[in-house]
Amino acid sequence: MMNFFKTFARDEDGAVTVDWVVLTAAIVGLGIAAIATVKGGVDSLAGEIDGSLSAGKVEKLGTMGSTGGN
């Protein structure tokens, strides 16, 4: 039984897994921070686009570019 504990204490296979978990958590955290940083600007831009599209007018086919005098 003592041999099992000595082998377990020297085993480093789990250390690599811990490193990857920490690295992945850091990447996810940076991604969330980046999204939080640009969220306000994206919401503002989406509102401006919505306003522009709502104020737009759809012309009938064949009337684009005409001045109405022809």
PDB file of N, CA and C in Angstrom:
ATOM      1  N   MET A   1       0.825  -1.196   0.000  1.00  0.00           N
ATOM      2  CA  MET A   1       0.000   0.000   0.000  1.00  0.00           C
ATOM      3  C   MET A   1       0.867   1.258   0.000  1.00  0.00           C
ATOM      4  N   MET A   2       1.978   1.221   0.717  1.00  0.00           N
ATOM      5  CA  MET A   2       2.877   2.364   0.763  1.00  0.00           C
ATOM      6  C   MET A   2       3.494   2.619  -0.615  1.00  0.00           C
ATOM      7  N   ASN A   3       3.753   1.565  -1.369  1.00  0.00           N
ATOM      8  CA  ASN A   3       4.293   1.691  -2.708  1.00  0.00           C
ATOM      9  C   ASN A   3       3.304   2.427  -3.621  1.00  0.00           C
ATOM     10  N   PHE A   4       2.013   2.174  -3.451  1.00  0.00           N
ATOM     11  CA  PHE A   4       0.975   2.843  -4.237  1.00  0.00           C
ATOM     12  C   PHE A   4       1.020   4.356  -4.004  1.00  0.00           C
ATOM     13  N   PHE A   5       1.139   4.782  -2.765  1.00  0.00           N
ATOM     14  CA  PHE A   5       1.174   6.211  -2.446  1.00  0.00           C
ATOM     15  C   PHE A   5       2.431   6.885  -2.993  1.00  0.00           C
ATOM     16  N   LYS A   6       3.558   6.200  -2.950  1.00  0.00           N
ATOM     17  CA  LYS A   6       4.781   6.756  -3.504  1.00  0.00           C
ATOM     18  C   LYS A   6       4.661   6.941  -5.016  1.00  0.00           C
ATOM     19  N   THR A   7       4.101   5.960  -5.686  1.00  0.00           N
ATOM     20  CA  THR A   7       3.902   6.042  -7.133  1.00  0.00           C
ATOM     21  C   THR A   7       2.913   7.157  -7.479  1.00  0.00           C
ATOM     22  N   PHE A   8       1.867   7.249  -6.693  1.00  0.00           N
ATOM     23  CA  PHE A   8       0.855   8.286  -6.912  1.00  0.00           C
ATOM     24  C   PHE A   8       1.453   9.678  -6.729  1.00  0.00           C
ATOM     25  N   ALA A   9       2.296   9.862  -5.743  1.00  0.00           N
ATOM     26  CA  ALA A   9       2.897  11.161  -5.462  1.00  0.00           C
ATOM     27  C   ALA A   9       3.867  11.583  -6.568  1.00  0.00           C
ATOM     28  N   ARG A  10       4.516  10.633  -7.228  1.00  0.00           N
ATOM     29  CA  ARG A  10       5.470  10.945  -8.288  1.00  0.00           C
ATOM     30  C   ARG A  10       4.816  11.074  -9.664  1.00  0.00           C
ATOM     31  N   ASP A  11       3.582  10.638  -9.793  1.00  0.00           N
ATOM     32  CA  ASP A  11       2.892  10.658 -11.081  1.00  0.00           C
ATOM     33  C   ASP A  11       2.530  12.097 -11.460  1.00  0.00           C
ATOM     34  N   GLU A  12       2.875  12.533 -12.679  1.00  0.00           N
ATOM     35  CA  GLU A  12       2.617  13.895 -13.122  1.00  0.00           C
ATOM     36  C   GLU A  12       1.616  13.957 -14.271  1.00  0.00           C
ATOM     37  N   ASP A  13       0.901  12.894 -14.546  1.00  0.00           N
ATOM     38  CA  ASP A  13      -0.055  12.898 -15.648  1.00  0.00           C
ATOM     39  C   ASP A  13      -1.179  13.907 -15.428  1.00  0.00           C
ATOM     40  N   GLY A  14      -1.657  14.056 -14.221  1.00  0.00           N
ATOM     41  CA  GLY A  14      -2.756  14.987 -13.939  1.00  0.00           C
ATOM     42  C   GLY A  14      -2.338  16.438 -14.033  1.00  0.00           C
ATOM     43  N   ALA A  15      -1.056  16.731 -13.886  1.00  0.00           N
ATOM     44  CA  ALA A  15      -0.578  18.115 -13.931  1.00  0.00           C
ATOM     45  C   ALA A  15      -0.817  18.736 -15.308  1.00  0.00           C
ATOM     46  N   VAL A  16      -0.678  17.970 -16.354  1.00  0.00           N
ATOM     47  CA  VAL A  16      -0.918  18.471 -17.707  1.00  0.00           C
ATOM     48  C   VAL A  16      -2.385  18.825 -17.876  1.00  0.00           C
ATOM     49  N   THR A  17      -3.261  18.007 -17.341  1.00  0.00           N
ATOM     50  CA  THR A  17      -4.693  18.271 -17.416  1.00  0.00           C
ATOM     51  C   THR A  17      -5.032  19.566 -16.691  1.00  0.00           C
ATOM     52  N   VAL A  18      -4.463  19.771 -15.535  1.00  0.00           N
ATOM     53  CA  VAL A  18      -4.711  21.000 -14.782  1.00  0.00           C
ATOM     54  C   VAL A  18      -4.229  22.214 -15.574  1.00  0.00           C
ATOM     55  N   ASP A  19      -3.081  22.104 -16.201  1.00  0.00           N
ATOM     56  CA  ASP A  19      -2.570  23.207 -17.020  1.00  0.00           C
ATOM     57  C   ASP A  19      -3.546  23.550 -18.141  1.00  0.00           C
ATOM     58  N   TRP A  20      -4.057  22.537 -18.818  1.00  0.00           N
ATOM     59  CA  TRP A  20      -5.004  22.785 -19.913  1.00  0.00           C
ATOM     60  C   TRP A  20      -6.310  23.382 -19.410  1.00  0.00           C
ATOM     61  N   VAL A  21      -6.770  22.952 -18.262  1.00  0.00           N
ATOM     62  CA  VAL A  21      -8.007  23.511 -17.699  1.00  0.00           C
ATOM     63  C   VAL A  21      -7.809  24.988 -17.378  1.00  0.00           C
ATOM     64  N   VAL A  22      -6.678  25.335 -16.778  1.00  0.00           N
ATOM     65  CA  VAL A  22      -6.395  26.737 -16.457  1.00  0.00           C
ATOM     66  C   VAL A  22      -6.262  27.563 -17.730  1.00  0.00           C
ATOM     67  N   LEU A  23      -5.575  27.053 -18.727  1.00  0.00           N
ATOM     68  CA  LEU A  23      -5.410  27.766 -19.992  1.00  0.00           C
ATOM     69  C   LEU A  23      -6.760  27.975 -20.681  1.00  0.00           C
ATOM     70  N   THR A  24      -7.586  26.956 -20.706  1.00  0.00           N
ATOM     71  CA  THR A  24      -8.907  27.071 -21.325  1.00  0.00           C
ATOM     72  C   THR A  24      -9.773  28.075 -20.580  1.00  0.00           C
ATOM     73  N   ALA A  25      -9.727  28.071 -19.255  1.00  0.00           N
ATOM     74  CA  ALA A  25     -10.502  29.030 -18.468  1.00  0.00           C
ATOM     75  C   ALA A  25     -10.042  30.456 -18.752  1.00  0.00           C
ATOM     76  N   ALA A  26      -8.744  30.652 -18.920  1.00  0.00           N
ATOM     77  CA  ALA A  26      -8.230  31.980 -19.232  1.00  0.00           C
ATOM     78  C   ALA A  26      -8.707  32.449 -20.605  1.00  0.00           C
ATOM     79  N   ILE A  27      -8.719  31.570 -21.577  1.00  0.00           N
ATOM     80  CA  ILE A  27      -9.179  31.924 -22.921  1.00  0.00           C
ATOM     81  C   ILE A  27     -10.669  32.267 -22.908  1.00  0.00           C
ATOM     82  N   VAL A  28     -11.454  31.479 -22.199  1.00  0.00           N
ATOM     83  CA  VAL A  28     -12.885  31.758 -22.100  1.00  0.00           C
ATOM     84  C   VAL A  28     -13.110  33.094 -21.400  1.00  0.00           C
ATOM     85  N   GLY A  29     -12.367  33.353 -20.345  1.00  0.00           N
ATOM     86  CA  GLY A  29     -12.494  34.621 -19.631  1.00  0.00           C
ATOM     87  C   GLY A  29     -12.147  35.813 -20.510  1.00  0.00           C
ATOM     88  N   LEU A  30     -11.087  35.701 -21.300  1.00  0.00           N
ATOM     89  CA  LEU A  30     -10.718  36.781 -22.217  1.00  0.00           C
ATOM     90  C   LEU A  30     -11.781  36.985 -23.297  1.00  0.00           C
ATOM     91  N   GLY A  31     -12.381  35.898 -23.752  1.00  0.00           N
ATOM     92  CA  GLY A  31     -13.459  36.016 -24.738  1.00  0.00           C
ATOM     93  C   GLY A  31     -14.664  36.747 -24.182  1.00  0.00           C
ATOM     94  N   ILE A  32     -15.032  36.426 -22.955  1.00  0.00           N
ATOM     95  CA  ILE A  32     -16.160  37.102 -22.308  1.00  0.00           C
ATOM     96  C   ILE A  32     -15.838  38.576 -22.094  1.00  0.00           C
ATOM     97  N   ALA A  33     -14.617  38.878 -21.701  1.00  0.00           N
ATOM     98  CA  ALA A  33     -14.215  40.275 -21.511  1.00  0.00           C
ATOM     99  C   ALA A  33     -14.263  41.045 -22.825  1.00  0.00           C
ATOM    100  N   ALA A  34     -13.848  40.423 -23.913  1.00  0.00           N
ATOM    101  CA  ALA A  34     -13.880  41.088 -25.215  1.00  0.00           C
ATOM    102  C   ALA A  34     -15.317  41.363 -25.652  1.00  0.00           C
ATOM    103  N   ILE A  35     -16.193  40.412 -25.435  1.00  0.00           N
ATOM    104  CA  ILE A  35     -17.603  40.604 -25.795  1.00  0.00           C
ATOM    105  C   ILE A  35     -18.217  41.728 -24.964  1.00  0.00           C
ATOM    106  N   ALA A  36     -17.914  41.758 -23.676  1.00  0.00           N
ATOM    107  CA  ALA A  36     -18.447  42.804 -22.807  1.00  0.00           C
ATOM    108  C   ALA A  36     -17.934  44.179 -23.233  1.00  0.00           C
ATOM    109  N   THR A  37     -16.723  44.236 -23.753  1.00  0.00           N
ATOM    110  CA  THR A  37     -16.136  45.508 -24.169  1.00  0.00           C
ATOM    111  C   THR A  37     -16.833  46.082 -25.401  1.00  0.00           C
ATOM    112  N   VAL A  38     -17.165  45.270 -26.370  1.00  0.00           N
ATOM    113  CA  VAL A  38     -17.752  45.773 -27.613  1.00  0.00           C
ATOM    114  C   VAL A  38     -19.275  45.748 -27.622  1.00  0.00           C
ATOM    115  N   LYS A  39     -19.896  45.220 -26.583  1.00  0.00           N
ATOM    116  CA  LYS A  39     -21.357  45.064 -26.561  1.00  0.00           C
ATOM    117  C   LYS A  39     -22.088  46.396 -26.733  1.00  0.00           C
ATOM    118  N   GLY A  40     -21.653  47.426 -26.031  1.00  0.00           N
ATOM    119  CA  GLY A  40     -22.321  48.725 -26.119  1.00  0.00           C
ATOM    120  C   GLY A  40     -22.268  49.304 -27.517  1.00  0.00           C
ATOM    121  N   GLY A  41     -21.127  49.237 -28.154  1.00  0.00           N
ATOM    122  CA  GLY A  41     -20.996  49.756 -29.513  1.00  0.00           C
ATOM    123  C   GLY A  41     -21.825  48.982 -30.521  1.00  0.00           C
ATOM    124  N   VAL A  42     -21.883  47.683 -30.344  1.00  0.00           N
ATOM    125  CA  VAL A  42     -22.667  46.853 -31.260  1.00  0.00           C
ATOM    126  C   VAL A  42     -24.158  47.143 -31.093  1.00  0.00           C
ATOM    127  N   ASP A  43     -24.612  47.299 -29.844  1.00  0.00           N
ATOM    128  CA  ASP A  43     -26.020  47.629 -29.603  1.00  0.00           C
ATOM    129  C   ASP A  43     -26.381  48.981 -30.224  1.00  0.00           C
ATOM    130  N   SER A  44     -25.485  49.959 -30.081  1.00  0.00           N
ATOM    131  CA  SER A  44     -25.713  51.287 -30.658  1.00  0.00           C
ATOM    132  C   SER A  44     -25.779  51.222 -32.180  1.00  0.00           C
ATOM    133  N   LEU A  45     -24.847  50.515 -32.781  1.00  0.00           N
ATOM    134  CA  LEU A  45     -24.822  50.386 -34.235  1.00  0.00           C
ATOM    135  C   LEU A  45     -26.069  49.669 -34.746  1.00  0.00           C
ATOM    136  N   ALA A  46     -26.491  48.635 -34.035  1.00  0.00           N
ATOM    137  CA  ALA A  46     -27.700  47.911 -34.440  1.00  0.00           C
ATOM    138  C   ALA A  46     -28.921  48.825 -34.390  1.00  0.00           C
ATOM    139  N   GLY A  47     -28.978  49.692 -33.384  1.00  0.00           N
ATOM    140  CA  GLY A  47     -30.082  50.652 -33.302  1.00  0.00           C
ATOM    141  C   GLY A  47     -30.078  51.635 -34.449  1.00  0.00           C
ATOM    142  N   GLU A  48     -28.886  52.107 -34.826  1.00  0.00           N
ATOM    143  CA  GLU A  48     -28.785  53.027 -35.956  1.00  0.00           C
ATOM    144  C   GLU A  48     -29.193  52.356 -37.265  1.00  0.00           C
ATOM    145  N   ILE A  49     -28.787  51.130 -37.459  1.00  0.00           N
ATOM    146  CA  ILE A  49     -29.158  50.391 -38.674  1.00  0.00           C
ATOM    147  C   ILE A  49     -30.667  50.170 -38.706  1.00  0.00           C
ATOM    148  N   ASP A  50     -31.244  49.814 -37.572  1.00  0.00           N
ATOM    149  CA  ASP A  50     -32.689  49.610 -37.490  1.00  0.00           C
ATOM    150  C   ASP A  50     -33.434  50.893 -37.831  1.00  0.00           C
ATOM    151  N   GLY A  51     -32.959  52.009 -37.306  1.00  0.00           N
ATOM    152  CA  GLY A  51     -33.598  53.289 -37.601  1.00  0.00           C
ATOM    153  C   GLY A  51     -33.500  53.642 -39.077  1.00  0.00           C
ATOM    154  N   SER A  52     -32.360  53.398 -39.686  1.00  0.00           N
ATOM    155  CA  SER A  52     -32.182  53.695 -41.113  1.00  0.00           C
ATOM    156  C   SER A  52     -33.077  52.824 -41.981  1.00  0.00           C
ATOM    157  N   LEU A  53     -33.155  51.556 -41.639  1.00  0.00           N
ATOM    158  CA  LEU A  53     -33.989  50.651 -42.434  1.00  0.00           C
ATOM    159  C   LEU A  53     -35.472  50.933 -42.234  1.00  0.00           C
ATOM    160  N   SER A  54     -35.857  51.333 -41.030  1.00  0.00           N
ATOM    161  CA  SER A  54     -37.269  51.644 -40.766  1.00  0.00           C
ATOM    162  C   SER A  54     -37.695  52.911 -41.499  1.00  0.00           C
ATOM    163  N   ALA A  55     -36.791  53.850 -41.661  1.00  0.00           N
ATOM    164  CA  ALA A  55     -37.117  55.105 -42.332  1.00  0.00           C
ATOM    165  C   ALA A  55     -37.049  54.965 -43.855  1.00  0.00           C
ATOM    166  N   GLY A  56     -36.557  53.861 -44.340  1.00  0.00           N
ATOM    167  CA  GLY A  56     -36.424  53.671 -45.782  1.00  0.00           C
ATOM    168  C   GLY A  56     -37.760  53.480 -46.465  1.00  0.00           C
ATOM    169  N   LYS A  57     -37.755  53.670 -47.765  1.00  0.00           N
ATOM    170  CA  LYS A  57     -38.964  53.550 -48.567  1.00  0.00           C
ATOM    171  C   LYS A  57     -38.692  52.581 -49.711  1.00  0.00           C
ATOM    172  N   VAL A  58     -39.629  51.717 -50.010  1.00  0.00           N
ATOM    173  CA  VAL A  58     -39.485  50.757 -51.096  1.00  0.00           C
ATOM    174  C   VAL A  58     -40.214  51.303 -52.316  1.00  0.00           C
ATOM    175  N   GLU A  59     -39.484  51.445 -53.394  1.00  0.00           N
ATOM    176  CA  GLU A  59     -40.058  51.974 -54.631  1.00  0.00           C
ATOM    177  C   GLU A  59     -40.643  50.831 -55.468  1.00  0.00           C
ATOM    178  N   LYS A  60     -41.597  51.171 -56.304  1.00  0.00           N
ATOM    179  CA  LYS A  60     -42.160  50.185 -57.200  1.00  0.00           C
ATOM    180  C   LYS A  60     -41.144  49.878 -58.304  1.00  0.00           C
ATOM    181  N   LEU A  61     -41.249  48.697 -58.866  1.00  0.00           N
ATOM    182  CA  LEU A  61     -40.352  48.269 -59.916  1.00  0.00           C
ATOM    183  C   LEU A  61     -40.486  49.178 -61.122  1.00  0.00           C
ATOM    184  N   GLY A  62     -39.379  49.662 -61.626  1.00  0.00           N
ATOM    185  CA  GLY A  62     -39.383  50.521 -62.809  1.00  0.00           C
ATOM    186  C   GLY A  62     -39.423  52.000 -62.493  1.00  0.00           C
ATOM    187  N   THR A  63     -39.529  52.374 -61.241  1.00  0.00           N
ATOM    188  CA  THR A  63     -39.608  53.796 -60.902  1.00  0.00           C
ATOM    189  C   THR A  63     -38.315  54.339 -60.329  1.00  0.00           C
ATOM    190  N   MET A  64     -37.337  53.486 -60.130  1.00  0.00           N
ATOM    191  CA  MET A  64     -36.093  53.953 -59.535  1.00  0.00           C
ATOM    192  C   MET A  64     -35.367  54.879 -60.513  1.00  0.00           C
ATOM    193  N   GLY A  65     -34.958  56.030 -60.017  1.00  0.00           N
ATOM    194  CA  GLY A  65     -34.195  56.954 -60.828  1.00  0.00           C
ATOM    195  C   GLY A  65     -35.037  57.880 -61.677  1.00  0.00           C
ATOM    196  N   SER A  66     -36.311  57.670 -61.736  1.00  0.00           N
ATOM    197  CA  SER A  66     -37.147  58.560 -62.541  1.00  0.00           C
ATOM    198  C   SER A  66     -37.530  59.785 -61.716  1.00  0.00           C
ATOM    199  N   THR A  67     -37.732  60.889 -62.410  1.00  0.00           N
ATOM    200  CA  THR A  67     -38.104  62.131 -61.746  1.00  0.00           C
ATOM    201  C   THR A  67     -39.613  62.336 -61.766  1.00  0.00           C
ATOM    202  N   GLY A  68     -40.339  61.457 -62.368  1.00  0.00           N
ATOM    203  CA  GLY A  68     -41.791  61.565 -62.409  1.00  0.00           C
ATOM    204  C   GLY A  68     -42.297  62.349 -63.593  1.00  0.00           C
ATOM    205  N   GLY A  69     -41.431  62.971 -64.375  1.00  0.00           N
ATOM    206  CA  GLY A  69     -41.848  63.816 -65.510  1.00  0.00           C
ATOM    207  C   GLY A  69     -41.957  63.038 -66.818  1.00  0.00           C
ATOM    208  N   ASN A  70     -41.567  61.798 -66.891  1.00  0.00           N
ATOM    209  CA  ASN A  70     -41.562  61.066 -68.157  1.00  0.00           C
ATOM    210  C   ASN A  70     -42.853  60.398 -68.388  1.00  0.00           C
TER     211      ASN A  70
END
